[in-house]
Amino acid sequence: MNVTGRSLTDRMKGAAMLDVATYEDVEADETATGQAAVVVAMAAVASAIGAIGTGTAGVLGALLSYFFGWLLWSGVTYLIGDKLLDGTATWGELLRTLGFALSPGILLVFGFIPFIGWLIGIIVGFWILVAGVIAIRQALDFSTGKAVATAFLGWLTVAILSVVFRL
C-alpha cells in the first residue's frame, strides 16, 4: 500500500497501529524528519502533562528525556544496526521511523490519573518498544530477530548512558 502524502495524523495513527507501510513511507520520505520531530514534541508534552504530579523537575525531565532519548536511541540504533549487524539505513531514516514509533507516547497525557497512570505508562512503554522494533526492522531492512536484538542493545546502551550521565 502506498501511503505517501498522508497527513501527520494519518502517519501517527499508522505508526501507532504498527502499520509496516507507514514505517516504509516515513523511512523513504526525507521531508518527514520534521514531522517525526513534531511527533516527539507532542509525546514529550503529553508525557510532561502526565508527570505534572511529580513537580517541576519531573515535568522538565519528561520533556527533555523524550528529545534526548529520541536522538540517542536513533544514533545508537544506527551504530548497532547499520555498522555492527549489517543493516542498510541512514541516521535520518532511523530518526524518522523511531520518531513516529513514539506516537503512542501521546497517551502518557493520562499519566497523572490516580491508580492507573502508572499502568498507562507501562502499556505505552511496551507499545513504543514494539513499534520501535518494527521501525528498526523497516529502516535497517533486516529480519525481526535482528531488529529485536538491535532494539534491545540500543535500549540497554541508552539506559546505561542515562544512569551514568543522569539523563
Protein backbone atom coordinates (compact mmCIF):
# COMPACT_ATOMS: atom_id res chain seq x y z
CA MET A 1 0.00 0.00 0.00
CA ASN A 2 1.38 3.39 -0.96
CA VAL A 3 0.89 5.85 1.87
CA THR A 4 3.00 8.70 0.55
CA GLY A 5 1.41 12.10 1.04
CA ARG A 6 -0.53 11.11 4.16
CA SER A 7 -1.06 13.71 6.83
CA LEU A 8 0.88 13.80 10.08
CA THR A 9 -2.18 12.50 11.91
CA ASP A 10 -2.62 9.61 9.46
CA ARG A 11 1.04 8.71 9.78
CA MET A 12 0.85 8.82 13.58
CA LYS A 13 -2.20 6.56 13.55
CA GLY A 14 -0.48 4.17 11.13
CA ALA A 15 2.66 4.10 13.26
CA ALA A 16 0.67 3.50 16.44
CA MET A 17 -1.27 0.73 14.71
CA LEU A 18 2.10 -0.85 13.80
CA ASP A 19 1.39 -0.50 10.07
CA VAL A 20 4.51 -1.55 8.16
CA ALA A 21 3.59 0.57 5.13
CA THR A 22 3.57 3.70 7.31
CA TYR A 23 7.10 2.96 8.53
CA GLU A 24 8.25 2.33 4.95
CA ASP A 25 6.67 5.63 3.92
CA VAL A 26 8.36 7.75 6.58
CA GLU A 27 11.65 5.93 6.05
CA ALA A 28 11.66 6.89 2.38
CA ASP A 29 10.29 10.42 2.80
CA GLU A 30 13.27 12.63 3.62
CA THR A 31 10.92 15.54 4.28
CA ALA A 32 9.27 13.60 7.15
CA THR A 33 12.10 14.25 9.62
CA GLY A 34 10.37 17.46 10.71
CA GLN A 35 7.13 15.55 11.15
CA ALA A 36 8.96 12.97 13.27
CA ALA A 37 10.28 15.79 15.45
CA VAL A 38 6.71 17.10 15.85
CA VAL A 39 5.61 13.62 16.97
CA VAL A 40 8.43 13.56 19.52
CA ALA A 41 7.46 17.05 20.73
CA MET A 42 3.81 16.06 21.08
CA ALA A 43 4.72 12.90 23.00
CA ALA A 44 7.13 14.90 25.17
CA VAL A 45 4.45 17.45 26.06
CA ALA A 46 1.94 14.65 26.75
CA SER A 47 4.49 12.94 28.99
CA ALA A 48 5.18 16.21 30.80
CA ILE A 49 1.46 16.78 31.40
CA GLY A 50 1.16 13.21 32.67
CA ALA A 51 4.06 13.87 35.04
CA ILE A 52 2.50 17.05 36.43
CA GLY A 53 2.16 15.49 39.88
CA THR A 54 5.92 14.94 40.11
CA GLY A 55 6.78 18.63 40.27
CA THR A 56 8.80 20.90 38.03
CA ALA A 57 11.79 18.56 37.85
CA GLY A 58 9.58 15.67 36.72
CA VAL A 59 7.88 17.78 34.06
CA LEU A 60 11.18 19.15 32.69
CA GLY A 61 12.71 15.69 32.85
CA ALA A 62 9.84 14.25 30.83
CA LEU A 63 10.21 16.95 28.18
CA LEU A 64 13.97 16.67 27.82
CA SER A 65 14.17 12.90 28.07
CA TYR A 66 11.95 12.44 25.03
CA PHE A 67 14.16 14.58 22.80
CA PHE A 68 17.49 13.32 24.07
CA GLY A 69 16.17 9.77 24.15
CA TRP A 70 14.98 10.00 20.55
CA LEU A 71 18.30 11.34 19.29
CA LEU A 72 20.34 8.91 21.36
CA TRP A 73 18.17 5.88 20.54
CA SER A 74 18.35 6.70 16.83
CA GLY A 75 22.12 7.19 16.93
CA VAL A 76 22.88 4.07 18.95
CA THR A 77 20.48 2.04 16.82
CA TYR A 78 22.22 3.32 13.69
CA LEU A 79 25.63 2.29 15.01
CA ILE A 80 24.48 -1.15 16.15
CA GLY A 81 22.14 -1.99 13.28
CA ASP A 82 24.00 -0.45 10.37
CA LYS A 83 27.62 -0.80 11.42
CA LEU A 84 27.60 -3.97 13.54
CA LEU A 85 24.68 -6.02 12.19
CA ASP A 86 24.97 -5.05 8.50
CA GLY A 87 21.65 -3.27 8.13
CA THR A 88 21.13 -0.62 5.47
CA ALA A 89 19.90 2.69 6.82
CA THR A 90 20.94 6.25 7.41
CA TRP A 91 20.64 8.03 10.73
CA GLY A 92 17.90 10.16 9.15
CA GLU A 93 15.85 7.08 8.28
CA LEU A 94 16.12 5.91 11.87
CA LEU A 95 15.26 9.38 13.21
CA ARG A 96 12.09 9.36 11.12
CA THR A 97 10.94 5.81 11.82
CA LEU A 98 11.80 5.88 15.53
CA GLY A 99 10.26 9.33 15.88
CA PHE A 100 6.97 8.00 14.57
CA ALA A 101 7.34 4.91 16.78
CA LEU A 102 6.93 7.30 19.71
CA SER A 103 3.36 8.11 18.57
CA PRO A 104 1.74 6.04 21.36
CA GLY A 105 3.52 8.37 23.81
CA ILE A 106 0.63 10.80 23.29
CA LEU A 107 -1.35 8.62 25.70
CA LEU A 108 1.08 9.48 28.50
CA VAL A 109 -1.01 12.61 28.95
CA PHE A 110 -3.15 10.37 31.18
CA GLY A 111 -0.22 9.51 33.44
CA PHE A 112 -1.45 11.82 36.20
CA ILE A 113 -4.64 9.77 36.77
CA PRO A 114 -4.52 8.17 40.21
CA PHE A 115 -4.31 4.38 40.38
CA ILE A 116 -3.99 3.84 36.62
CA GLY A 117 -1.44 6.41 35.46
CA TRP A 118 1.46 4.04 36.16
CA LEU A 119 -0.31 1.25 34.24
CA ILE A 120 -0.80 3.53 31.24
CA GLY A 121 2.94 4.28 31.39
CA ILE A 122 3.84 0.59 31.34
CA ILE A 123 1.47 -0.21 28.48
CA VAL A 124 2.68 2.76 26.43
CA GLY A 125 6.31 1.81 27.12
CA PHE A 126 5.80 -1.70 25.76
CA TRP A 127 3.78 -0.35 22.84
CA ILE A 128 6.61 2.03 21.92
CA LEU A 129 9.13 -0.80 22.19
CA VAL A 130 7.13 -2.97 19.77
CA ALA A 131 6.68 0.00 17.41
CA GLY A 132 10.42 0.63 17.72
CA VAL A 133 11.22 -2.94 16.67
CA ILE A 134 9.05 -2.51 13.57
CA ALA A 135 10.61 0.89 12.85
CA ILE A 136 14.11 -0.57 13.20
CA ARG A 137 13.28 -3.61 11.06
CA GLN A 138 11.88 -1.47 8.26
CA ALA A 139 14.60 1.19 8.37
CA LEU A 140 17.50 -1.25 8.51
CA ASP A 141 15.91 -3.74 6.10
CA PHE A 142 16.61 -6.84 8.07
CA SER A 143 14.88 -9.64 10.00
CA THR A 144 12.66 -9.22 13.02
CA GLY A 145 15.23 -11.14 15.08
CA LYS A 146 17.97 -8.65 14.21
CA ALA A 147 15.55 -5.79 14.87
CA VAL A 148 14.76 -7.17 18.34
CA ALA A 149 18.48 -7.60 19.07
CA THR A 150 19.21 -4.08 17.84
CA ALA A 151 16.32 -2.60 19.85
CA PHE A 152 17.42 -4.42 23.00
CA LEU A 153 21.09 -3.47 22.64
CA GLY A 154 20.12 0.11 21.83
CA TRP A 155 17.76 0.29 24.79
CA LEU A 156 20.41 -1.19 27.11
CA THR A 157 23.03 1.28 25.88
CA VAL A 158 20.68 4.25 26.31
CA ALA A 159 19.68 3.02 29.78
CA ILE A 160 23.31 2.68 30.86
CA LEU A 161 24.20 6.10 29.47
CA SER A 162 21.16 7.60 31.17
CA VAL A 163 22.27 6.22 34.54
CA VAL A 164 25.90 7.19 34.08
CA PHE A 165 25.15 10.73 32.89
CA ARG A 166 21.88 11.08 34.83
CA LEU A 167 19.86 11.96 31.73
